[in-house]
C-alpha atoms as a PDB file:
ATOM      1  CA  GLU A   1     -12.622 -31.291   8.179  1.00  0.00           C
ATOM      2  CA  ALA A   2     -11.384 -29.033   5.376  1.00  0.00           C
ATOM      3  CA  PHE A   3     -14.727 -27.185   5.458  1.00  0.00           C
ATOM      4  CA  ASN A   4     -14.438 -26.616   9.223  1.00  0.00           C
ATOM      5  CA  HIS A   5     -10.877 -25.372   8.842  1.00  0.00           C
ATOM      6  CA  GLN A   6     -11.921 -22.868   6.161  1.00  0.00           C
ATOM      7  CA  HIS A   7     -14.968 -21.790   8.177  1.00  0.00           C
ATOM      8  CA  ASN A   8     -12.835 -21.225  11.283  1.00  0.00           C
ATOM      9  CA  ARG A   9     -10.276 -19.264   9.271  1.00  0.00           C
ATOM     10  CA  LYS A  10     -12.992 -16.975   7.870  1.00  0.00           C
ATOM     11  CA  HIS A  11     -14.480 -16.501  11.353  1.00  0.00           C
ATOM     12  CA  LEU A  12     -11.079 -15.581  12.777  1.00  0.00           C
ATOM     13  CA  LEU A  13     -10.515 -13.130   9.926  1.00  0.00           C
ATOM     14  CA  SER A  14     -13.853 -11.447  10.654  1.00  0.00           C
ATOM     15  CA  GLN A  15     -12.897 -11.137  14.313  1.00  0.00           C
ATOM     16  CA  GLN A  16      -9.475  -9.748  13.361  1.00  0.00           C
ATOM     17  CA  VAL A  17     -10.965  -7.103  11.054  1.00  0.00           C
ATOM     18  CA  LEU A  18     -13.500  -6.118  13.705  1.00  0.00           C
ATOM     19  CA  SER A  19     -10.765  -5.873  16.352  1.00  0.00           C
ATOM     20  CA  ASP A  20      -8.437  -3.871  14.119  1.00  0.00           C
ATOM     21  CA  LEU A  21     -11.146  -1.368  13.173  1.00  0.00           C
ATOM     22  CA  TYR A  22     -12.001  -1.024  16.858  1.00  0.00           C
ATOM     23  CA  LYS A  23      -8.356  -0.322  17.738  1.00  0.00           C
ATOM     24  CA  LEU A  24      -8.141   2.287  14.967  1.00  0.00           C
ATOM     25  CA  ALA A  25     -11.304   3.914  16.313  1.00  0.00           C
ATOM     26  CA  LEU A  26      -9.777   4.070  19.793  1.00  0.00           C
ATOM     27  CA  GLU A  27      -6.532   5.548  18.462  1.00  0.00           C
ATOM     28  CA  HIS A  28      -8.511   8.289  16.707  1.00  0.00           C
ATOM     29  CA  ASN A  29     -10.892   8.880  19.639  1.00  0.00           C
ATOM     30  CA  ASP A  30     -13.774   8.244  17.249  1.00  0.00           C
ATOM     31  CA  PRO A  31     -15.911   5.089  17.601  1.00  0.00           C
ATOM     32  CA  TYR A  32     -17.034   5.526  13.987  1.00  0.00           C
ATOM     33  CA  TYR A  33     -13.630   6.271  12.499  1.00  0.00           C
ATOM     34  CA  PRO A  34     -13.787   5.538   8.733  1.00  0.00           C
ATOM     35  CA  THR A  35     -11.060   3.247   7.394  1.00  0.00           C
ATOM     36  CA  GLU A  36     -10.217   3.351   3.692  1.00  0.00           C
ATOM     37  CA  LEU A  37     -10.780   0.160   1.707  1.00  0.00           C
ATOM     38  CA  GLY A  38      -7.343   0.405   0.087  1.00  0.00           C
ATOM     39  CA  MET A  39      -5.694   0.425   3.512  1.00  0.00           C
ATOM     40  CA  LEU A  40      -7.617  -2.700   4.510  1.00  0.00           C
ATOM     41  CA  LYS A  41      -6.607  -4.439   1.289  1.00  0.00           C
ATOM     42  CA  SER A  42      -2.970  -3.446   1.836  1.00  0.00           C
ATOM     43  CA  TYR A  43      -2.969  -4.586   5.451  1.00  0.00           C
ATOM     44  CA  TYR A  44      -4.578  -7.979   4.880  1.00  0.00           C
ATOM     45  CA  GLY A  45      -2.845  -8.606   1.564  1.00  0.00           C
ATOM     46  CA  PHE A  46      -5.813 -10.151  -0.273  1.00  0.00           C
ATOM     47  CA  ASN A  47      -9.377  -9.421  -1.291  1.00  0.00           C
ATOM     48  CA  ILE A  48     -11.100  -8.546   1.948  1.00  0.00           C
ATOM     49  CA  GLN A  49     -14.467  -7.722   0.356  1.00  0.00           C
ATOM     50  CA  GLN A  50     -16.167 -11.021   1.318  1.00  0.00           C
ATOM     51  CA  THR A  51     -15.276 -10.479   4.976  1.00  0.00           C
ATOM     52  CA  LEU A  52     -16.477  -6.866   4.864  1.00  0.00           C
ATOM     53  CA  ASN A  53     -19.767  -7.995   3.294  1.00  0.00           C
ATOM     54  CA  LYS A  54     -20.206 -10.579   6.076  1.00  0.00           C
ATOM     55  CA  LEU A  55     -19.621  -7.922   8.739  1.00  0.00           C
ATOM     56  CA  VAL A  56     -22.133  -5.616   7.029  1.00  0.00           C
ATOM     57  CA  ALA A  57     -24.714  -8.441   6.954  1.00  0.00           C
ATOM     58  CA  GLN A  58     -24.182  -8.894  10.707  1.00  0.00           C
ATOM     59  CA  ASP A  59     -24.692  -5.123  11.215  1.00  0.00           C
ATOM     60  CA  TYR A  60     -21.160  -4.753  12.607  1.00  0.00           C
ATOM     61  CA  LEU A  61     -19.861  -2.579   9.795  1.00  0.00           C
ATOM     62  CA  GLN A  62     -21.165  -0.041   7.302  1.00  0.00           C
ATOM     63  CA  GLU A  63     -19.795   1.610   4.212  1.00  0.00           C
ATOM     64  CA  SER A  64     -19.126   5.306   4.623  1.00  0.00           C
ATOM     65  CA  GLN A  65     -17.762   8.309   2.773  1.00  0.00           C
ATOM     66  CA  HIS A  66     -14.892  10.093   4.488  1.00  0.00           C
ATOM     67  CA  VAL A  67     -13.931  12.870   2.084  1.00  0.00           C
ATOM     68  CA  PRO A  68     -15.695  13.382  -1.257  1.00  0.00           C
ATOM     69  CA  GLY A  69     -13.610  11.949  -4.080  1.00  0.00           C
ATOM     70  CA  GLU A  70     -11.811   9.385  -1.914  1.00  0.00           C
ATOM     71  CA  GLY A  71     -12.426   5.665  -2.246  1.00  0.00           C
ATOM     72  CA  LYS A  72     -14.760   3.550  -0.169  1.00  0.00           C
ATOM     73  CA  HIS A  73     -14.402   3.665   3.571  1.00  0.00           C
ATOM     74  CA  TRP A  74     -15.745   1.347   6.240  1.00  0.00           C
ATOM     75  CA  GLN A  75     -16.703   2.116   9.806  1.00  0.00           C
ATOM     76  CA  LEU A  76     -17.998   0.161  12.757  1.00  0.00           C
ATOM     77  CA  THR A  77     -21.662   0.417  13.661  1.00  0.00           C
ATOM     78  CA  ALA A  78     -22.621   0.815  17.328  1.00  0.00           C
ATOM     79  CA  LYS A  79     -23.261  -2.948  17.364  1.00  0.00           C
ATOM     80  CA  GLY A  80     -19.859  -3.644  15.768  1.00  0.00           C
ATOM     81  CA  TYR A  81     -18.067  -1.382  18.242  1.00  0.00           C
ATOM     82  CA  GLN A  82     -19.724  -3.204  21.131  1.00  0.00           C
ATOM     83  CA  GLU A  83     -18.982  -6.631  19.626  1.00  0.00           C
ATOM     84  CA  ALA A  84     -15.296  -5.760  19.148  1.00  0.00           C
ATOM     85  CA  GLN A  85     -15.124  -4.391  22.669  1.00  0.00           C
ATOM     86  CA  GLN A  86     -16.567  -7.637  24.061  1.00  0.00           C
ATOM     87  CA  LEU A  87     -14.304  -9.765  21.881  1.00  0.00           C
ATOM     88  CA  LEU A  88     -11.162  -7.987  23.057  1.00  0.00           C
ATOM     89  CA  SER A  89     -12.378  -8.002  26.639  1.00  0.00           C
ATOM     90  CA  LYS A  90     -12.727 -11.813  26.489  1.00  0.00           C
ATOM     91  CA  LEU A  91      -9.162 -11.991  25.214  1.00  0.00           C
ATOM     92  CA  GLY A  92      -7.961  -9.635  27.941  1.00  0.00           C
ATOM     93  CA  LYS A  93      -6.939  -7.023  25.387  1.00  0.00           C
ATOM     94  CA  ASN A  94      -9.545  -4.308  25.875  1.00  0.00           C
ATOM     95  CA  HIS A  95      -7.828  -0.927  25.639  1.00  0.00           C
ATOM     96  CA  GLU A  96     -10.483   1.201  27.310  1.00  0.00           C
END
């Protein structure tokens, strides 16, 4: 049961990150809006790297460079954008 609880928590976190990056993309009118790693760490308050790696492995997210000299950034892939859109649509929270 503890394993299932942890697995569900990680799955929900992945969905939350995907949804938040999607909402940021919508706010910036850019489906591939790059979000800085430091901002993600600040927002979620813990090491988010494992979740980001999982989303990359699922082809929902990719590392990107926003401005030379800035830290790592992450952006949705076309597949990630679509997945987030479907996820929010199922929840009745699609903003488009």
